[in-house]
C-alpha atoms as a PDB file:
ATOM      1  CA  UNK A   1      16.389 -50.794  99.578  1.00  0.00           C
ATOM      2  CA  UNK A   2      15.558 -50.066 103.200  1.00  0.00           C
ATOM      3  CA  UNK A   3      17.663 -47.218 103.126  1.00  0.00           C
ATOM      4  CA  UNK A   4      15.769 -46.025 100.232  1.00  0.00           C
ATOM      5  CA  UNK A   5      12.532 -46.457 101.911  1.00  0.00           C
ATOM      6  CA  UNK A   6      13.644 -44.659 104.996  1.00  0.00           C
ATOM      7  CA  UNK A   7      15.037 -41.978 103.111  1.00  0.00           C
ATOM      8  CA  UNK A   8      12.296 -41.271 101.324  1.00  0.00           C
ATOM      9  CA  UNK A   9      10.003 -41.735 104.633  1.00  0.00           C
ATOM     10  CA  UNK A  10      12.106 -38.974 106.584  1.00  0.00           C
ATOM     11  CA  UNK A  11      11.917 -36.861 103.582  1.00  0.00           C
ATOM     12  CA  UNK A  12       7.941 -37.148 103.526  1.00  0.00           C
ATOM     13  CA  UNK A  13       7.392 -36.263 106.876  1.00  0.00           C
ATOM     14  CA  UNK A  14       9.550 -33.336 106.639  1.00  0.00           C
ATOM     15  CA  UNK A  15       6.953 -32.164 103.624  1.00  0.00           C
ATOM     16  CA  UNK A  16       4.578 -32.874 106.145  1.00  0.00           C
ATOM     17  CA  UNK A  17       6.314 -30.301 108.582  1.00  0.00           C
ATOM     18  CA  UNK A  18       6.165 -27.970 105.377  1.00  0.00           C
ATOM     19  CA  UNK A  19       2.430 -28.675 104.587  1.00  0.00           C
ATOM     20  CA  UNK A  20       1.728 -27.618 108.066  1.00  0.00           C
ATOM     21  CA  UNK A  21       3.838 -24.424 107.407  1.00  0.00           C
ATOM     22  CA  UNK A  22       2.863 -22.912 104.200  1.00  0.00           C
ATOM     23  CA  UNK A  23      -0.876 -23.322 105.595  1.00  0.00           C
ATOM     24  CA  UNK A  24      -0.091 -21.229 109.352  1.00  0.00           C
ATOM     25  CA  UNK A  25       1.389 -18.510 106.988  1.00  0.00           C
ATOM     26  CA  UNK A  26      -0.173 -17.855 103.741  1.00  0.00           C
ATOM     27  CA  UNK A  27      -0.075 -14.077 104.179  1.00  0.00           C
ATOM     28  CA  UNK A  28       3.837 -14.445 104.633  1.00  0.00           C
ATOM     29  CA  UNK A  29       7.229 -15.566 103.196  1.00  0.00           C
ATOM     30  CA  UNK A  30       6.922 -18.446 101.721  1.00  0.00           C
ATOM     31  CA  UNK A  31       9.980 -18.055  98.647  1.00  0.00           C
ATOM     32  CA  UNK A  32      12.109 -21.719  98.368  1.00  0.00           C
ATOM     33  CA  UNK A  33      14.792 -20.312 101.406  1.00  0.00           C
ATOM     34  CA  UNK A  34      12.612 -19.679 103.355  1.00  0.00           C
ATOM     35  CA  UNK A  35      10.300 -23.410 103.408  1.00  0.00           C
ATOM     36  CA  UNK A  36      14.145 -25.492 102.712  1.00  0.00           C
ATOM     37  CA  UNK A  37      15.129 -23.778 105.711  1.00  0.00           C
ATOM     38  CA  UNK A  38      11.536 -25.572 107.509  1.00  0.00           C
ATOM     39  CA  UNK A  39      12.614 -28.780 106.127  1.00  0.00           C
ATOM     40  CA  UNK A  40      15.890 -28.766 106.802  1.00  0.00           C
ATOM     41  CA  UNK A  41      17.504 -29.075 103.455  1.00  0.00           C
ATOM     42  CA  UNK A  42      19.306 -26.908 100.830  1.00  0.00           C
ATOM     43  CA  UNK A  43      17.114 -24.893  98.512  1.00  0.00           C
ATOM     44  CA  UNK A  44      18.269 -26.839  95.208  1.00  0.00           C
ATOM     45  CA  UNK A  45      17.201 -30.317  97.040  1.00  0.00           C
ATOM     46  CA  UNK A  46      14.604 -29.347  98.321  1.00  0.00           C
ATOM     47  CA  UNK A  47      12.885 -28.310  94.844  1.00  0.00           C
ATOM     48  CA  UNK A  48      13.729 -31.591  94.035  1.00  0.00           C
ATOM     49  CA  UNK A  49      12.133 -33.774  96.658  1.00  0.00           C
ATOM     50  CA  UNK A  50       8.960 -31.185  96.993  1.00  0.00           C
ATOM     51  CA  UNK A  51       8.681 -31.487  93.180  1.00  0.00           C
ATOM     52  CA  UNK A  52       9.050 -35.214  93.287  1.00  0.00           C
ATOM     53  CA  UNK A  53       6.522 -35.957  96.392  1.00  0.00           C
ATOM     54  CA  UNK A  54       3.625 -33.629  95.081  1.00  0.00           C
ATOM     55  CA  UNK A  55       4.023 -33.194  91.765  1.00  0.00           C
ATOM     56  CA  UNK A  56       4.297 -29.552  91.694  1.00  0.00           C
ATOM     57  CA  UNK A  57       7.299 -26.695  92.464  1.00  0.00           C
ATOM     58  CA  UNK A  58       7.059 -24.929  95.667  1.00  0.00           C
ATOM     59  CA  UNK A  59       6.006 -21.504  94.039  1.00  0.00           C
ATOM     60  CA  UNK A  60       2.893 -23.981  91.999  1.00  0.00           C
ATOM     61  CA  UNK A  61       1.724 -25.080  95.013  1.00  0.00           C
ATOM     62  CA  UNK A  62       1.545 -22.132  97.590  1.00  0.00           C
ATOM     63  CA  UNK A  63      -0.117 -20.087  94.518  1.00  0.00           C
ATOM     64  CA  UNK A  64      -2.974 -23.033  94.445  1.00  0.00           C
ATOM     65  CA  UNK A  65      -2.886 -22.426  98.291  1.00  0.00           C
ATOM     66  CA  UNK A  66      -3.285 -19.140  98.402  1.00  0.00           C
ATOM     67  CA  UNK A  67      -5.787 -19.007  95.784  1.00  0.00           C
ATOM     68  CA  UNK A  68      -8.290 -22.119  97.088  1.00  0.00           C
ATOM     69  CA  UNK A  69      -8.128 -21.061 100.248  1.00  0.00           C
ATOM     70  CA  UNK A  70      -9.233 -17.489  99.017  1.00  0.00           C
ATOM     71  CA  UNK A  71     -11.737 -18.722  96.849  1.00  0.00           C
ATOM     72  CA  UNK A  72     -13.349 -20.335 100.273  1.00  0.00           C
ATOM     73  CA  UNK A  73     -13.611 -17.411 101.641  1.00  0.00           C
ATOM     74  CA  UNK A  74     -14.926 -15.689  98.497  1.00  0.00           C
ATOM     75  CA  UNK A  75     -17.435 -18.242  99.160  1.00  0.00           C
ATOM     76  CA  UNK A  76     -17.883 -18.466 102.669  1.00  0.00           C
ATOM     77  CA  UNK A  77     -17.174 -14.561 104.219  1.00  0.00           C
ATOM     78  CA  UNK A  78     -18.916 -11.006 103.387  1.00  0.00           C
ATOM     79  CA  UNK A  79     -15.592  -8.984 103.620  1.00  0.00           C
ATOM     80  CA  UNK A  80     -14.256  -7.357 100.983  1.00  0.00           C
ATOM     81  CA  UNK A  81     -11.849  -9.005  98.113  1.00  0.00           C
ATOM     82  CA  UNK A  82      -9.270  -6.516  99.137  1.00  0.00           C
ATOM     83  CA  UNK A  83      -9.173  -7.808 102.373  1.00  0.00           C
ATOM     84  CA  UNK A  84      -8.989 -11.294 100.813  1.00  0.00           C
ATOM     85  CA  UNK A  85      -5.936 -10.503  98.611  1.00  0.00           C
ATOM     86  CA  UNK A  86      -3.736  -9.363 101.315  1.00  0.00           C
ATOM     87  CA  UNK A  87      -4.927 -12.213 103.850  1.00  0.00           C
ATOM     88  CA  UNK A  88      -3.155 -14.459 101.546  1.00  0.00           C
ATOM     89  CA  UNK A  89      -0.305 -13.358 100.556  1.00  0.00           C
ATOM     90  CA  UNK A  90      -1.542 -10.733  97.453  1.00  0.00           C
ATOM     91  CA  UNK A  91       0.225  -7.127  98.617  1.00  0.00           C
ATOM     92  CA  UNK A  92      -1.946  -5.644  94.868  1.00  0.00           C
ATOM     93  CA  UNK A  93      -5.618  -7.039  94.173  1.00  0.00           C
ATOM     94  CA  UNK A  94      -4.191  -6.699  90.518  1.00  0.00           C
ATOM     95  CA  UNK A  95      -2.324  -9.231  90.607  1.00  0.00           C
ATOM     96  CA  UNK A  96      -4.447 -11.434  93.458  1.00  0.00           C
ATOM     97  CA  UNK A  97      -7.124 -11.018  90.162  1.00  0.00           C
ATOM     98  CA  UNK A  98      -4.932 -12.407  87.344  1.00  0.00           C
ATOM     99  CA  UNK A  99      -3.672 -14.970  89.414  1.00  0.00           C
ATOM    100  CA  UNK A 100      -7.451 -15.625  90.548  1.00  0.00           C
ATOM    101  CA  UNK A 101      -8.823 -15.358  86.469  1.00  0.00           C
ATOM    102  CA  UNK A 102      -5.896 -17.948  85.183  1.00  0.00           C
ATOM    103  CA  UNK A 103      -6.919 -21.116  87.694  1.00  0.00           C
ATOM    104  CA  UNK A 104     -10.451 -20.241  87.640  1.00  0.00           C
ATOM    105  CA  UNK A 105     -10.826 -18.453  84.527  1.00  0.00           C
ATOM    106  CA  UNK A 106     -13.471 -15.428  86.122  1.00  0.00           C
ATOM    107  CA  UNK A 107     -12.456 -12.772  88.576  1.00  0.00           C
ATOM    108  CA  UNK A 108     -12.734 -12.985  92.303  1.00  0.00           C
ATOM    109  CA  UNK A 109     -15.246 -10.636  91.716  1.00  0.00           C
ATOM    110  CA  UNK A 110     -17.330 -12.858  89.507  1.00  0.00           C
ATOM    111  CA  UNK A 111     -16.634 -15.976  91.001  1.00  0.00           C
ATOM    112  CA  UNK A 112     -18.822 -14.636  94.281  1.00  0.00           C
ATOM    113  CA  UNK A 113     -21.632 -13.853  91.963  1.00  0.00           C
ATOM    114  CA  UNK A 114     -21.615 -16.878  90.298  1.00  0.00           C
ATOM    115  CA  UNK A 115     -21.221 -18.936  93.528  1.00  0.00           C
ATOM    116  CA  UNK A 116     -23.767 -17.282  96.015  1.00  0.00           C
ATOM    117  CA  UNK A 117     -23.344 -18.924  99.711  1.00  0.00           C
ATOM    118  CA  UNK A 118     -27.171 -21.297  99.761  1.00  0.00           C
ATOM    119  CA  UNK A 119     -25.771 -22.914  96.720  1.00  0.00           C
ATOM    120  CA  UNK A 120     -22.059 -22.950  97.440  1.00  0.00           C
ATOM    121  CA  UNK A 121     -21.986 -26.597  98.213  1.00  0.00           C
ATOM    122  CA  UNK A 122     -23.724 -27.733  95.046  1.00  0.00           C
ATOM    123  CA  UNK A 123     -22.054 -26.120  91.870  1.00  0.00           C
ATOM    124  CA  UNK A 124     -19.485 -27.494  90.151  1.00  0.00           C
ATOM    125  CA  UNK A 125     -17.181 -24.492  89.328  1.00  0.00           C
ATOM    126  CA  UNK A 126     -16.625 -23.407  85.980  1.00  0.00           C
ATOM    127  CA  UNK A 127     -12.834 -23.613  86.372  1.00  0.00           C
ATOM    128  CA  UNK A 128     -10.234 -26.231  85.596  1.00  0.00           C
ATOM    129  CA  UNK A 129     -11.400 -28.427  88.498  1.00  0.00           C
ATOM    130  CA  UNK A 130     -15.021 -28.492  86.821  1.00  0.00           C
ATOM    131  CA  UNK A 131     -17.910 -28.146  84.560  1.00  0.00           C
ATOM    132  CA  UNK A 132     -20.436 -25.581  83.834  1.00  0.00           C
ATOM    133  CA  UNK A 133     -23.288 -26.377  86.468  1.00  0.00           C
ATOM    134  CA  UNK A 134     -26.856 -26.206  85.887  1.00  0.00           C
ATOM    135  CA  UNK A 135     -29.759 -23.153  86.056  1.00  0.00           C
ATOM    136  CA  UNK A 136     -31.064 -22.085  88.943  1.00  0.00           C
ATOM    137  CA  UNK A 137     -34.452 -24.425  88.979  1.00  0.00           C
ATOM    138  CA  UNK A 138     -32.168 -27.480  88.815  1.00  0.00           C
ATOM    139  CA  UNK A 139     -30.154 -26.054  92.149  1.00  0.00           C
ATOM    140  CA  UNK A 140     -33.497 -25.631  93.624  1.00  0.00           C
ATOM    141  CA  UNK A 141     -34.257 -29.359  92.728  1.00  0.00           C
ATOM    142  CA  UNK A 142     -31.400 -30.969  94.400  1.00  0.00           C
ATOM    143  CA  UNK A 143     -30.947 -28.642  96.832  1.00  0.00           C
ATOM    144  CA  UNK A 144     -34.682 -30.312  97.804  1.00  0.00           C
ATOM    145  CA  UNK A 145     -33.716 -33.725  97.289  1.00  0.00           C
ATOM    146  CA  UNK A 146     -30.566 -33.713  99.359  1.00  0.00           C
ATOM    147  CA  UNK A 147     -32.619 -31.901 102.427  1.00  0.00           C
ATOM    148  CA  UNK A 148     -35.175 -35.096 101.581  1.00  0.00           C
ATOM    149  CA  UNK A 149     -32.194 -37.625 101.568  1.00  0.00           C
ATOM    150  CA  UNK A 150     -30.255 -36.340 104.263  1.00  0.00           C
ATOM    151  CA  UNK A 151     -33.414 -36.131 106.951  1.00  0.00           C
ATOM    152  CA  UNK A 152     -33.716 -39.990 106.152  1.00  0.00           C
ATOM    153  CA  UNK A 153     -30.903 -40.908 106.678  1.00  0.00           C
ATOM    154  CA  UNK A 154     -28.602 -38.662 108.831  1.00  0.00           C
ATOM    155  CA  UNK A 155     -29.144 -38.227 112.466  1.00  0.00           C
ATOM    156  CA  UNK A 156     -27.289 -34.413 113.236  1.00  0.00           C
ATOM    157  CA  UNK A 157     -26.253 -32.856 116.121  1.00  0.00           C
ATOM    158  CA  UNK A 158     -24.223 -29.939 116.881  1.00  0.00           C
ATOM    159  CA  UNK A 159     -22.023 -31.169 119.651  1.00  0.00           C
ATOM    160  CA  UNK A 160     -18.660 -29.253 121.320  1.00  0.00           C
ATOM    161  CA  UNK A 161     -15.767 -31.787 120.561  1.00  0.00           C
ATOM    162  CA  UNK A 162     -12.781 -32.180 122.806  1.00  0.00           C
ATOM    163  CA  UNK A 163      -8.663 -32.205 121.508  1.00  0.00           C
ATOM    164  CA  UNK A 164      -8.267 -35.509 119.392  1.00  0.00           C
ATOM    165  CA  UNK A 165      -4.938 -36.565 119.191  1.00  0.00           C
ATOM    166  CA  UNK A 166      -4.267 -39.163 116.782  1.00  0.00           C
ATOM    167  CA  UNK A 167      -1.658 -41.299 114.979  1.00  0.00           C
ATOM    168  CA  UNK A 168      -2.488 -39.820 110.663  1.00  0.00           C
ATOM    169  CA  UNK A 169      -0.269 -40.648 107.535  1.00  0.00           C
ATOM    170  CA  UNK A 170      -0.892 -37.915 105.080  1.00  0.00           C
ATOM    171  CA  UNK A 171      -2.155 -39.042 101.576  1.00  0.00           C
ATOM    172  CA  UNK A 172      -2.451 -36.582  98.122  1.00  0.00           C
ATOM    173  CA  UNK A 173      -5.410 -37.137  95.981  1.00  0.00           C
ATOM    174  CA  UNK A 174      -8.742 -39.082  95.980  1.00  0.00           C
ATOM    175  CA  UNK A 175      -7.464 -42.536  94.973  1.00  0.00           C
ATOM    176  CA  UNK A 176      -5.409 -44.640  96.183  1.00  0.00           C
ATOM    177  CA  UNK A 177      -6.943 -43.867  99.779  1.00  0.00           C
ATOM    178  CA  UNK A 178      -6.879 -47.486 100.121  1.00  0.00           C
ATOM    179  CA  UNK A 179      -3.402 -47.413 100.708  1.00  0.00           C
ATOM    180  CA  UNK A 180      -3.243 -45.173 103.031  1.00  0.00           C
ATOM    181  CA  UNK A 181      -5.757 -46.616 105.715  1.00  0.00           C
ATOM    182  CA  UNK A 182      -3.764 -50.262 104.923  1.00  0.00           C
ATOM    183  CA  UNK A 183      -0.584 -48.303 106.141  1.00  0.00           C
ATOM    184  CA  UNK A 184      -2.049 -47.112 109.792  1.00  0.00           C
ATOM    185  CA  UNK A 185      -3.724 -50.140 109.888  1.00  0.00           C
ATOM    186  CA  UNK A 186      -0.396 -52.121 109.798  1.00  0.00           C
ATOM    187  CA  UNK A 187       1.083 -49.649 112.080  1.00  0.00           C
ATOM    188  CA  UNK A 188      -1.307 -50.084 114.724  1.00  0.00           C
ATOM    189  CA  UNK A 189      -1.970 -54.084 114.767  1.00  0.00           C
ATOM    190  CA  UNK A 190       1.595 -55.156 116.410  1.00  0.00           C
ATOM    191  CA  UNK A 191       0.935 -52.323 118.323  1.00  0.00           C
ATOM    192  CA  UNK A 192      -1.929 -54.005 119.647  1.00  0.00           C
ATOM    193  CA  UNK A 193      -3.896 -50.423 119.548  1.00  0.00           C
ATOM    194  CA  UNK A 194      -6.582 -51.389 117.275  1.00  0.00           C
ATOM    195  CA  UNK A 195      -7.756 -54.027 120.610  1.00  0.00           C
ATOM    196  CA  UNK A 196      -8.980 -50.191 122.688  1.00  0.00           C
ATOM    197  CA  UNK A 197     -12.368 -50.339 122.477  1.00  0.00           C
ATOM    198  CA  UNK A 198     -12.526 -46.903 121.537  1.00  0.00           C
ATOM    199  CA  UNK A 199     -10.310 -46.739 118.743  1.00  0.00           C
ATOM    200  CA  UNK A 200     -11.546 -45.712 115.927  1.00  0.00           C
ATOM    201  CA  UNK A 201     -10.672 -44.677 111.923  1.00  0.00           C
ATOM    202  CA  UNK A 202     -11.169 -41.946 110.504  1.00  0.00           C
ATOM    203  CA  UNK A 203      -9.737 -38.684 107.718  1.00  0.00           C
ATOM    204  CA  UNK A 204      -9.553 -35.421 108.137  1.00  0.00           C
ATOM    205  CA  UNK A 205      -9.454 -33.011 105.098  1.00  0.00           C
ATOM    206  CA  UNK A 206      -6.847 -30.178 104.735  1.00  0.00           C
ATOM    207  CA  UNK A 207      -8.999 -29.519 100.738  1.00  0.00           C
ATOM    208  CA  UNK A 208     -11.733 -28.909  99.188  1.00  0.00           C
ATOM    209  CA  UNK A 209     -13.060 -30.840  96.084  1.00  0.00           C
ATOM    210  CA  UNK A 210     -14.901 -27.671  95.836  1.00  0.00           C
ATOM    211  CA  UNK A 211     -12.231 -25.727  95.024  1.00  0.00           C
ATOM    212  CA  UNK A 212      -8.635 -28.051  95.168  1.00  0.00           C
ATOM    213  CA  UNK A 213      -8.647 -30.378  91.538  1.00  0.00           C
ATOM    214  CA  UNK A 214      -9.437 -34.193  92.976  1.00  0.00           C
ATOM    215  CA  UNK A 215      -5.543 -35.928  92.103  1.00  0.00           C
ATOM    216  CA  UNK A 216      -4.219 -32.597  94.671  1.00  0.00           C
ATOM    217  CA  UNK A 217      -6.833 -32.799  97.874  1.00  0.00           C
ATOM    218  CA  UNK A 218      -4.704 -33.450 100.858  1.00  0.00           C
ATOM    219  CA  UNK A 219      -6.017 -35.587 103.595  1.00  0.00           C
ATOM    220  CA  UNK A 220      -4.681 -37.439 106.948  1.00  0.00           C
ATOM    221  CA  UNK A 221      -5.992 -40.682 107.831  1.00  0.00           C
ATOM    222  CA  UNK A 222      -5.834 -41.420 111.266  1.00  0.00           C
ATOM    223  CA  UNK A 223      -5.872 -43.643 113.765  1.00  0.00           C
ATOM    224  CA  UNK A 224      -7.892 -42.292 117.429  1.00  0.00           C
ATOM    225  CA  UNK A 225      -6.845 -43.883 120.377  1.00  0.00           C
ATOM    226  CA  UNK A 226      -6.444 -43.606 124.347  1.00  0.00           C
ATOM    227  CA  UNK A 227      -3.011 -45.983 124.540  1.00  0.00           C
ATOM    228  CA  UNK A 228      -0.068 -44.461 124.325  1.00  0.00           C
ATOM    229  CA  UNK A 229       2.060 -44.766 121.333  1.00  0.00           C
ATOM    230  CA  UNK A 230       5.383 -43.923 119.841  1.00  0.00           C
ATOM    231  CA  UNK A 231       5.264 -42.889 115.957  1.00  0.00           C
ATOM    232  CA  UNK A 232       7.852 -44.223 113.075  1.00  0.00           C
ATOM    233  CA  UNK A 233       7.782 -44.669 109.734  1.00  0.00           C
ATOM    234  CA  UNK A 234       5.441 -42.107 107.547  1.00  0.00           C
ATOM    235  CA  UNK A 235       3.165 -42.099 110.689  1.00  0.00           C
ATOM    236  CA  UNK A 236       3.074 -39.121 112.833  1.00  0.00           C
ATOM    237  CA  UNK A 237       1.300 -37.226 115.847  1.00  0.00           C
ATOM    238  CA  UNK A 238      -1.852 -35.307 114.391  1.00  0.00           C
ATOM    239  CA  UNK A 239      -3.764 -32.996 116.396  1.00  0.00           C
ATOM    240  CA  UNK A 240      -7.803 -31.754 115.418  1.00  0.00           C
ATOM    241  CA  UNK A 241      -8.330 -28.951 117.518  1.00  0.00           C
ATOM    242  CA  UNK A 242     -11.348 -28.551 119.931  1.00  0.00           C
ATOM    243  CA  UNK A 243     -14.251 -26.809 118.453  1.00  0.00           C
ATOM    244  CA  UNK A 244     -18.179 -27.221 117.882  1.00  0.00           C
ATOM    245  CA  UNK A 245     -19.193 -29.415 115.246  1.00  0.00           C
ATOM    246  CA  UNK A 246     -22.090 -30.193 113.100  1.00  0.00           C
ATOM    247  CA  UNK A 247     -22.059 -34.386 113.571  1.00  0.00           C
ATOM    248  CA  UNK A 248     -24.038 -36.393 110.520  1.00  0.00           C
ATOM    249  CA  UNK A 249     -24.226 -39.867 111.980  1.00  0.00           C
ATOM    250  CA  UNK A 250     -24.745 -41.772 108.410  1.00  0.00           C
ATOM    251  CA  UNK A 251     -24.755 -45.730 107.567  1.00  0.00           C
ATOM    252  CA  UNK A 252     -23.902 -45.575 103.592  1.00  0.00           C
ATOM    253  CA  UNK A 253     -22.450 -47.116 101.392  1.00  0.00           C
ATOM    254  CA  UNK A 254     -19.180 -45.926  99.818  1.00  0.00           C
ATOM    255  CA  UNK A 255     -20.479 -44.432  97.262  1.00  0.00           C
ATOM    256  CA  UNK A 256     -22.642 -42.433  99.335  1.00  0.00           C
ATOM    257  CA  UNK A 257     -20.182 -40.171 100.950  1.00  0.00           C
ATOM    258  CA  UNK A 258     -19.683 -37.435  98.409  1.00  0.00           C
ATOM    259  CA  UNK A 259     -23.957 -37.341  98.851  1.00  0.00           C
ATOM    260  CA  UNK A 260     -23.392 -37.172 102.502  1.00  0.00           C
ATOM    261  CA  UNK A 261     -20.613 -34.411 102.421  1.00  0.00           C
ATOM    262  CA  UNK A 262     -22.680 -31.913 100.147  1.00  0.00           C
ATOM    263  CA  UNK A 263     -25.773 -32.806 102.013  1.00  0.00           C
ATOM    264  CA  UNK A 264     -24.294 -31.867 105.693  1.00  0.00           C
ATOM    265  CA  UNK A 265     -23.092 -28.881 104.218  1.00  0.00           C
ATOM    266  CA  UNK A 266     -26.592 -27.721 102.686  1.00  0.00           C
ATOM    267  CA  UNK A 267     -28.217 -28.889 106.689  1.00  0.00           C
ATOM    268  CA  UNK A 268     -25.010 -26.182 107.141  1.00  0.00           C
ATOM    269  CA  UNK A 269     -25.858 -22.988 105.321  1.00  0.00           C
ATOM    270  CA  UNK A 270     -30.086 -23.786 105.631  1.00  0.00           C
ATOM    271  CA  UNK A 271     -29.290 -23.342 109.240  1.00  0.00           C
ATOM    272  CA  UNK A 272     -27.282 -20.052 109.555  1.00  0.00           C
ATOM    273  CA  UNK A 273     -24.084 -22.277 110.734  1.00  0.00           C
ATOM    274  CA  UNK A 274     -20.959 -20.612 108.974  1.00  0.00           C
ATOM    275  CA  UNK A 275     -18.263 -22.889 108.608  1.00  0.00           C
ATOM    276  CA  UNK A 276     -14.964 -22.287 110.835  1.00  0.00           C
ATOM    277  CA  UNK A 277     -11.379 -22.557 109.429  1.00  0.00           C
ATOM    278  CA  UNK A 278     -10.661 -26.030 111.470  1.00  0.00           C
ATOM    279  CA  UNK A 279     -10.991 -28.606 108.777  1.00  0.00           C
ATOM    280  CA  UNK A 280     -13.733 -31.267 108.352  1.00  0.00           C
ATOM    281  CA  UNK A 281     -13.038 -35.078 109.096  1.00  0.00           C
ATOM    282  CA  UNK A 282     -14.774 -38.040 109.717  1.00  0.00           C
ATOM    283  CA  UNK A 283     -15.078 -40.999 112.071  1.00  0.00           C
ATOM    284  CA  UNK A 284     -15.765 -44.072 111.290  1.00  0.00           C
ATOM    285  CA  UNK A 285     -17.865 -46.748 113.792  1.00  0.00           C
ATOM    286  CA  UNK A 286     -17.280 -50.091 112.289  1.00  0.00           C
ATOM    287  CA  UNK A 287     -16.024 -52.054 108.688  1.00  0.00           C
ATOM    288  CA  UNK A 288     -17.738 -51.616 105.683  1.00  0.00           C
ATOM    289  CA  UNK A 289     -16.754 -55.216 104.562  1.00  0.00           C
ATOM    290  CA  UNK A 290     -18.384 -56.827 107.970  1.00  0.00           C
ATOM    291  CA  UNK A 291     -21.606 -55.049 107.216  1.00  0.00           C
ATOM    292  CA  UNK A 292     -24.501 -57.153 105.491  1.00  0.00           C
ATOM    293  CA  UNK A 293     -24.826 -54.243 103.062  1.00  0.00           C
ATOM    294  CA  UNK A 294     -21.278 -53.263 103.060  1.00  0.00           C
ATOM    295  CA  UNK A 295     -21.947 -49.802 104.735  1.00  0.00           C
ATOM    296  CA  UNK A 296     -19.816 -47.187 106.818  1.00  0.00           C
ATOM    297  CA  UNK A 297     -21.804 -46.369 110.240  1.00  0.00           C
ATOM    298  CA  UNK A 298     -19.770 -42.642 110.098  1.00  0.00           C
ATOM    299  CA  UNK A 299     -19.886 -39.338 111.548  1.00  0.00           C
ATOM    300  CA  UNK A 300     -19.301 -36.595 109.764  1.00  0.00           C
ATOM    301  CA  UNK A 301     -17.723 -33.828 111.794  1.00  0.00           C
ATOM    302  CA  UNK A 302     -18.115 -29.619 109.973  1.00  0.00           C
ATOM    303  CA  UNK A 303     -16.534 -27.160 112.402  1.00  0.00           C
ATOM    304  CA  UNK A 304     -18.211 -23.813 112.624  1.00  0.00           C
ATOM    305  CA  UNK A 305     -18.466 -20.470 114.366  1.00  0.00           C
END
């Protein structure tokens, strides 16, 4: 049994390298032969392992990543659709449009028209990932309510964040996140890493629930610590790049995280900031179970240009 667990852990670590490689090379050759070499598997074996771990074939995963990342560019950038198509590996705009329409039920041009930047964090996409969205008057009401809520519940600053190095474990999907936290805590406890007064648990998001189905959102649960450590099992070294960030300090219940993130992105848009390509993340400052109202004291970080 132990051997099987070790094999599974090794496979997951190899797939983590594949995730990183794909995100860094969405414009390039992401064929089965190329990616299987990154994972040090034969193409046949890699195909089976990747499908077992992710629930998708490599081609399905790559296409989804390209389309979702292009959707974020459509929402946040003013560059032409042709440039976006080429940026994400589509040699012909017609092929990009067909793939995009298959996923979101509208063309890239129509998607951009339906989701202007001002409202992009509020709308639920009319797609396989979301529901139909309300009319403009309801948007304005929602945005005003969020702005008021943010003013009451958040302390917001713009900060230069240094490079952060951590130990992390990958998790896919919004369900079962507790298991990933348990893994990192179980790993850190015997090493006394949690005794470091500056140690902090956190979570970094590689996908946006705005364009990615909730069961496919990929994230890493991590532990920041200044103590030296060696990784093992599913625990990997994780780096959050140096960046300028909008940082919102919240004291919220578990059910208020979505509202806090949405409100912080609204604040970003309202104040003229643009999100950078770096990934949003959150860092926790307490154990919510020890809070008298079961609330998290947490900083949410949005990297901006």
